[in-house]
N, C-alpha and C. Protein backbone atom coordinates (compact mmCIF):
# COMPACT_ATOMS: atom_id res chain seq x y z
N UNK A 1 85.76 -39.14 24.53
CA UNK A 1 86.12 -40.69 24.49
C UNK A 1 85.90 -41.18 23.12
N UNK A 2 86.79 -42.09 22.76
CA UNK A 2 86.79 -42.77 21.38
C UNK A 2 85.56 -43.63 21.44
N UNK A 3 85.15 -43.90 20.15
CA UNK A 3 83.82 -44.77 19.95
C UNK A 3 84.10 -46.15 20.53
N UNK A 4 85.29 -46.57 20.51
CA UNK A 4 85.67 -48.00 21.10
C UNK A 4 85.84 -47.97 22.54
N UNK A 5 85.97 -46.77 23.14
CA UNK A 5 86.11 -46.65 24.63
C UNK A 5 87.66 -46.88 25.05
N UNK A 6 88.58 -46.89 24.08
CA UNK A 6 89.99 -47.04 24.35
C UNK A 6 90.75 -45.88 24.75
N UNK A 7 90.36 -44.69 24.33
CA UNK A 7 91.03 -43.49 24.40
C UNK A 7 90.20 -42.30 25.08
N UNK A 8 90.81 -41.38 25.58
CA UNK A 8 90.17 -40.21 26.14
C UNK A 8 90.84 -39.11 25.62
N UNK A 9 90.17 -38.13 25.05
CA UNK A 9 90.85 -36.83 24.19
C UNK A 9 90.38 -35.72 25.08
N UNK A 10 91.35 -34.73 25.39
CA UNK A 10 91.17 -33.71 26.24
C UNK A 10 92.21 -32.60 25.92
N UNK A 11 91.87 -31.42 26.64
CA UNK A 11 92.88 -30.32 26.55
C UNK A 11 93.33 -30.11 28.05
N UNK A 12 94.55 -29.60 28.25
CA UNK A 12 94.96 -29.46 29.68
C UNK A 12 94.76 -28.12 30.15
N UNK A 13 94.54 -27.15 29.21
CA UNK A 13 94.13 -25.86 29.58
C UNK A 13 92.88 -25.42 29.11
N UNK A 14 92.18 -24.41 29.94
CA UNK A 14 90.76 -24.17 29.57
C UNK A 14 90.63 -23.18 28.45
N UNK A 15 91.68 -22.34 28.13
CA UNK A 15 91.30 -21.37 27.06
C UNK A 15 91.88 -21.82 25.74
N UNK A 16 92.53 -20.86 25.08
CA UNK A 16 93.07 -21.22 23.64
C UNK A 16 93.93 -20.12 23.26
N UNK A 17 94.76 -20.47 22.17
CA UNK A 17 94.95 -21.71 21.62
C UNK A 17 95.56 -22.61 22.59
N UNK A 18 95.39 -23.98 22.37
CA UNK A 18 95.80 -24.96 23.17
C UNK A 18 96.21 -26.18 22.43
N UNK A 19 96.41 -27.24 23.15
CA UNK A 19 96.72 -28.58 22.39
C UNK A 19 95.72 -29.63 22.81
N UNK A 20 95.63 -30.67 22.06
CA UNK A 20 94.64 -31.57 22.17
C UNK A 20 95.49 -32.98 22.51
N UNK A 21 95.23 -33.56 23.59
CA UNK A 21 95.84 -34.68 24.14
C UNK A 21 94.99 -36.09 24.04
N UNK A 22 95.69 -37.13 24.05
CA UNK A 22 95.08 -38.48 23.99
C UNK A 22 95.64 -39.25 24.99
N UNK A 23 94.77 -39.95 25.90
CA UNK A 23 95.20 -40.87 26.92
C UNK A 23 94.66 -42.20 26.52
N UNK A 24 95.60 -43.32 26.56
CA UNK A 24 95.22 -44.74 26.45
C UNK A 24 94.61 -45.08 27.73
N UNK A 25 93.36 -45.51 27.89
CA UNK A 25 92.66 -45.74 29.16
C UNK A 25 93.06 -47.21 29.79
N UNK A 26 93.73 -48.08 28.91
CA UNK A 26 94.13 -49.26 29.44
C UNK A 26 95.70 -49.09 30.15
N UNK A 27 96.46 -48.30 29.59
CA UNK A 27 97.82 -48.11 30.03
C UNK A 27 98.07 -46.83 30.79
N UNK A 28 97.28 -45.87 30.62
CA UNK A 28 97.31 -44.58 31.18
C UNK A 28 98.35 -43.71 30.46
N UNK A 29 98.99 -44.27 29.42
CA UNK A 29 99.93 -43.32 28.66
C UNK A 29 99.32 -42.34 27.85
N UNK A 30 99.89 -41.17 27.93
CA UNK A 30 99.22 -39.97 27.16
C UNK A 30 100.34 -39.35 26.26
N UNK A 31 99.75 -38.78 25.11
CA UNK A 31 100.53 -38.22 24.01
C UNK A 31 99.82 -37.00 23.42
N UNK A 32 100.63 -35.92 23.09
CA UNK A 32 99.97 -34.89 22.38
C UNK A 32 99.63 -35.23 21.09
N UNK A 33 98.35 -34.93 20.79
CA UNK A 33 97.86 -35.45 19.45
C UNK A 33 97.84 -34.14 18.41
N UNK A 34 97.24 -32.95 18.82
CA UNK A 34 97.10 -31.88 17.82
C UNK A 34 97.60 -30.53 18.59
N UNK A 35 98.25 -29.65 17.79
CA UNK A 35 98.62 -28.31 18.20
C UNK A 35 97.65 -27.28 17.68
N UNK A 36 97.50 -26.20 18.24
CA UNK A 36 96.69 -25.02 17.73
C UNK A 36 95.35 -25.24 17.82
N UNK A 37 94.79 -26.08 18.64
CA UNK A 37 93.34 -26.10 18.90
C UNK A 37 92.86 -24.74 19.35
N UNK A 38 91.89 -24.17 18.76
CA UNK A 38 91.48 -22.81 18.99
C UNK A 38 91.00 -22.56 20.49
N UNK A 39 90.20 -23.45 20.99
CA UNK A 39 89.83 -23.43 22.35
C UNK A 39 89.64 -24.92 22.96
N UNK A 40 89.55 -25.01 24.20
CA UNK A 40 89.64 -26.40 24.72
C UNK A 40 88.34 -27.13 24.40
N UNK A 41 87.23 -26.49 24.09
CA UNK A 41 85.96 -27.09 23.82
C UNK A 41 85.74 -27.34 22.37
N UNK A 42 86.59 -26.92 21.48
CA UNK A 42 86.36 -26.87 20.03
C UNK A 42 86.75 -28.12 19.38
N UNK A 43 86.36 -29.31 19.70
CA UNK A 43 86.65 -30.49 19.16
C UNK A 43 85.50 -31.46 19.30
N UNK A 44 85.34 -32.33 18.53
CA UNK A 44 84.27 -33.44 18.52
C UNK A 44 84.86 -34.71 17.98
N UNK A 45 84.75 -35.67 18.84
CA UNK A 45 85.28 -37.03 18.40
C UNK A 45 84.07 -37.85 17.82
N UNK A 46 84.43 -38.54 16.69
CA UNK A 46 83.45 -39.21 15.97
C UNK A 46 84.23 -40.51 15.61
N UNK A 47 83.43 -41.48 15.01
CA UNK A 47 84.08 -42.71 14.54
C UNK A 47 85.06 -42.50 13.51
N UNK A 48 86.24 -42.85 13.69
CA UNK A 48 87.18 -42.55 12.60
C UNK A 48 88.06 -41.39 12.84
N UNK A 49 87.71 -40.31 13.63
CA UNK A 49 88.45 -39.23 13.74
C UNK A 49 87.98 -38.12 14.63
N UNK A 50 88.49 -36.99 14.58
CA UNK A 50 88.16 -35.76 15.39
C UNK A 50 87.99 -34.55 14.47
N UNK A 51 86.88 -34.01 14.66
CA UNK A 51 86.64 -32.67 13.97
C UNK A 51 87.12 -31.64 15.01
N UNK A 52 87.87 -30.55 14.50
CA UNK A 52 88.28 -29.57 15.47
C UNK A 52 88.45 -28.19 14.78
N UNK A 53 88.55 -27.09 15.51
CA UNK A 53 88.86 -25.75 14.89
C UNK A 53 90.22 -25.52 15.36
N UNK A 54 91.11 -25.25 14.17
CA UNK A 54 92.46 -24.96 14.41
C UNK A 54 92.49 -23.47 14.54
N UNK A 55 93.57 -22.87 15.29
CA UNK A 55 93.76 -21.50 15.34
C UNK A 55 94.86 -21.32 14.32
N UNK A 56 94.53 -21.32 13.03
CA UNK A 56 95.67 -21.14 12.07
C UNK A 56 96.03 -19.70 11.89
N UNK A 57 97.19 -19.45 11.44
CA UNK A 57 97.66 -17.99 11.28
C UNK A 57 96.81 -17.21 10.29
N UNK A 58 96.09 -17.76 9.29
CA UNK A 58 95.36 -17.05 8.36
C UNK A 58 93.81 -17.00 8.92
N UNK A 59 93.59 -17.55 10.04
CA UNK A 59 92.12 -17.48 10.68
C UNK A 59 91.70 -18.73 11.08
N UNK A 60 90.65 -19.00 11.75
CA UNK A 60 90.15 -20.31 12.21
C UNK A 60 89.72 -21.22 11.03
N UNK A 61 90.03 -22.50 11.27
CA UNK A 61 89.70 -23.41 10.09
C UNK A 61 89.14 -24.78 10.86
N UNK A 62 88.08 -25.25 10.24
CA UNK A 62 87.57 -26.63 10.67
C UNK A 62 88.39 -27.68 10.06
N UNK A 63 88.92 -28.55 10.76
CA UNK A 63 89.75 -29.62 10.24
C UNK A 63 89.16 -31.01 10.69
N UNK A 64 89.66 -31.99 10.09
CA UNK A 64 89.34 -33.32 10.46
C UNK A 64 90.69 -34.18 10.45
N UNK A 65 90.98 -34.72 11.68
CA UNK A 65 92.08 -35.58 12.06
C UNK A 65 91.61 -37.01 11.86
N UNK A 66 92.23 -37.74 10.88
CA UNK A 66 91.78 -39.17 10.62
C UNK A 66 92.69 -40.12 11.44
N UNK A 67 91.99 -40.96 12.31
CA UNK A 67 92.81 -41.88 13.09
C UNK A 67 93.68 -42.84 12.29
N UNK A 68 93.06 -43.29 11.29
CA UNK A 68 93.71 -44.37 10.47
C UNK A 68 94.97 -43.99 9.77
N UNK A 69 95.22 -42.83 9.38
CA UNK A 69 96.28 -42.29 8.76
C UNK A 69 97.23 -41.33 9.57
N UNK A 70 96.52 -40.68 10.50
CA UNK A 70 97.17 -39.60 11.37
C UNK A 70 97.27 -38.32 10.55
N UNK A 71 96.62 -38.25 9.53
CA UNK A 71 96.55 -37.02 8.66
C UNK A 71 95.42 -36.11 9.03
N UNK A 72 95.58 -34.81 8.64
CA UNK A 72 94.57 -33.76 8.87
C UNK A 72 94.09 -33.24 7.59
N UNK A 73 92.78 -33.01 7.38
CA UNK A 73 92.35 -32.51 6.09
C UNK A 73 91.38 -31.33 6.45
N UNK A 74 91.49 -30.28 5.64
CA UNK A 74 90.62 -29.13 5.76
C UNK A 74 89.21 -29.35 5.38
N UNK A 75 88.31 -28.88 6.27
CA UNK A 75 86.89 -28.99 5.87
C UNK A 75 86.28 -27.56 5.58
N UNK A 76 86.66 -26.72 6.30
CA UNK A 76 85.99 -25.38 6.06
C UNK A 76 86.83 -24.17 6.68
N UNK A 77 87.19 -23.17 6.00
CA UNK A 77 87.86 -21.98 6.45
C UNK A 77 86.76 -21.08 7.02
N UNK A 78 86.85 -20.66 8.18
CA UNK A 78 85.59 -19.93 8.82
C UNK A 78 85.77 -18.49 8.47
N UNK A 79 86.84 -17.75 8.55
CA UNK A 79 87.01 -16.49 8.04
C UNK A 79 86.61 -15.42 9.00
N UNK A 80 86.13 -15.82 10.28
CA UNK A 80 85.78 -14.87 11.32
C UNK A 80 86.27 -15.42 12.69
N UNK A 81 86.39 -14.59 13.72
CA UNK A 81 86.69 -15.19 15.00
C UNK A 81 85.69 -16.20 15.41
N UNK A 82 86.21 -17.12 16.30
CA UNK A 82 85.35 -18.11 16.85
C UNK A 82 85.34 -17.94 18.46
N UNK A 83 84.35 -18.63 19.01
CA UNK A 83 84.41 -18.68 20.60
C UNK A 83 84.25 -20.30 20.85
N UNK A 84 83.76 -20.43 22.04
CA UNK A 84 83.71 -21.86 22.44
C UNK A 84 82.57 -22.71 21.74
N UNK A 85 82.72 -23.78 21.47
CA UNK A 85 81.71 -24.70 21.01
C UNK A 85 81.87 -25.24 19.50
N UNK A 86 81.93 -26.59 19.50
CA UNK A 86 81.85 -27.26 18.10
C UNK A 86 81.17 -28.58 18.42
N UNK A 87 80.17 -28.96 17.51
CA UNK A 87 79.59 -30.25 17.46
C UNK A 87 79.32 -30.58 16.04
N UNK A 88 79.19 -31.95 16.01
CA UNK A 88 78.81 -32.59 14.65
C UNK A 88 77.53 -33.43 14.73
N UNK A 89 76.77 -33.29 13.70
CA UNK A 89 75.55 -34.05 13.66
C UNK A 89 75.78 -35.50 13.51
N UNK A 90 74.94 -36.37 14.04
CA UNK A 90 75.06 -37.79 14.14
C UNK A 90 75.46 -38.50 12.64
N UNK A 91 74.86 -37.80 11.65
CA UNK A 91 75.06 -38.34 10.31
C UNK A 91 76.39 -37.75 9.68
N UNK A 92 77.00 -36.80 10.46
CA UNK A 92 78.13 -36.05 10.03
C UNK A 92 77.92 -35.17 8.71
N UNK A 93 76.70 -34.79 8.48
CA UNK A 93 76.47 -33.84 7.50
C UNK A 93 76.38 -32.36 7.77
N UNK A 94 76.43 -32.12 9.10
CA UNK A 94 76.43 -30.63 9.51
C UNK A 94 77.27 -30.52 10.79
N UNK A 95 78.06 -29.32 10.75
CA UNK A 95 78.89 -28.95 11.83
C UNK A 95 78.25 -27.67 12.35
N UNK A 96 78.24 -27.61 13.60
CA UNK A 96 77.79 -26.43 14.38
C UNK A 96 78.96 -25.69 15.30
N UNK A 97 79.15 -24.48 14.99
CA UNK A 97 80.39 -23.88 15.73
C UNK A 97 79.94 -22.33 16.19
N UNK A 98 80.55 -21.79 17.04
CA UNK A 98 80.29 -20.48 17.53
C UNK A 98 81.20 -19.48 16.70
N UNK A 99 80.52 -18.62 16.02
CA UNK A 99 81.32 -17.57 15.29
C UNK A 99 80.98 -16.23 15.88
N UNK A 100 81.88 -15.37 15.91
CA UNK A 100 81.66 -14.02 16.38
C UNK A 100 81.63 -13.08 15.13
N UNK A 101 80.41 -12.54 15.08
CA UNK A 101 80.12 -11.67 13.97
C UNK A 101 80.26 -10.12 14.31
N UNK A 102 80.06 -9.78 15.52
CA UNK A 102 80.38 -8.44 15.99
C UNK A 102 80.62 -8.45 17.51
N UNK A 103 81.32 -7.38 17.92
CA UNK A 103 81.56 -7.22 19.31
C UNK A 103 81.27 -5.85 19.72
N UNK A 104 80.81 -5.68 21.00
CA UNK A 104 80.49 -4.31 21.41
C UNK A 104 80.30 -4.11 22.87
N UNK A 105 80.12 -2.91 23.24
CA UNK A 105 80.02 -2.63 24.66
C UNK A 105 79.19 -1.38 24.76
N UNK A 106 78.60 -1.16 25.86
CA UNK A 106 77.89 0.07 26.15
C UNK A 106 78.34 0.72 27.43
N UNK A 107 78.55 2.00 27.44
CA UNK A 107 79.01 2.78 28.51
C UNK A 107 77.62 3.36 29.08
N UNK A 108 77.32 3.21 30.35
CA UNK A 108 76.06 3.67 31.00
C UNK A 108 76.48 4.63 32.12
N UNK A 109 75.59 5.76 32.25
CA UNK A 109 75.76 6.75 33.24
C UNK A 109 74.57 6.59 34.29
N UNK A 110 74.97 6.44 35.55
CA UNK A 110 73.96 6.34 36.51
C UNK A 110 73.95 7.67 37.31
N UNK A 111 72.81 8.33 37.35
CA UNK A 111 72.77 9.53 38.09
C UNK A 111 72.14 9.32 39.34
N UNK A 112 72.47 10.13 40.35
CA UNK A 112 71.97 9.97 41.75
C UNK A 112 72.59 8.82 42.40
N UNK A 113 73.69 8.25 42.16
CA UNK A 113 74.35 7.19 42.69
C UNK A 113 74.93 7.53 44.16
N UNK A 114 74.78 6.85 45.09
CA UNK A 114 75.19 7.00 46.42
C UNK A 114 76.12 5.95 46.80
N UNK A 115 77.22 6.32 47.31
CA UNK A 115 78.22 5.39 47.73
C UNK A 115 78.20 5.00 49.11
């Protein structure tokens, strides 16, 4: 929800990449706001705009969409795959996101298994 309570921001699909939508709570009118949101949960609404992780062709990037101008600025190129989650500190001096550093799996053998 926007800080003034006038708008609701959301994604229509649970996965990613997806789009970010905006609904005017007074009129019910909705509009697509951003393309290429990495995952549905990877945005944070603050006074004046939205921080989000874009699924850019060169890799995920933290961006800031400014309400006043409708422009987007790059905050940080991540350089590794991301997962669900993005939040911004109240003073807006820190951003926390989920980065995938390694993936793996184990193959296990169970002896004496009875069906």
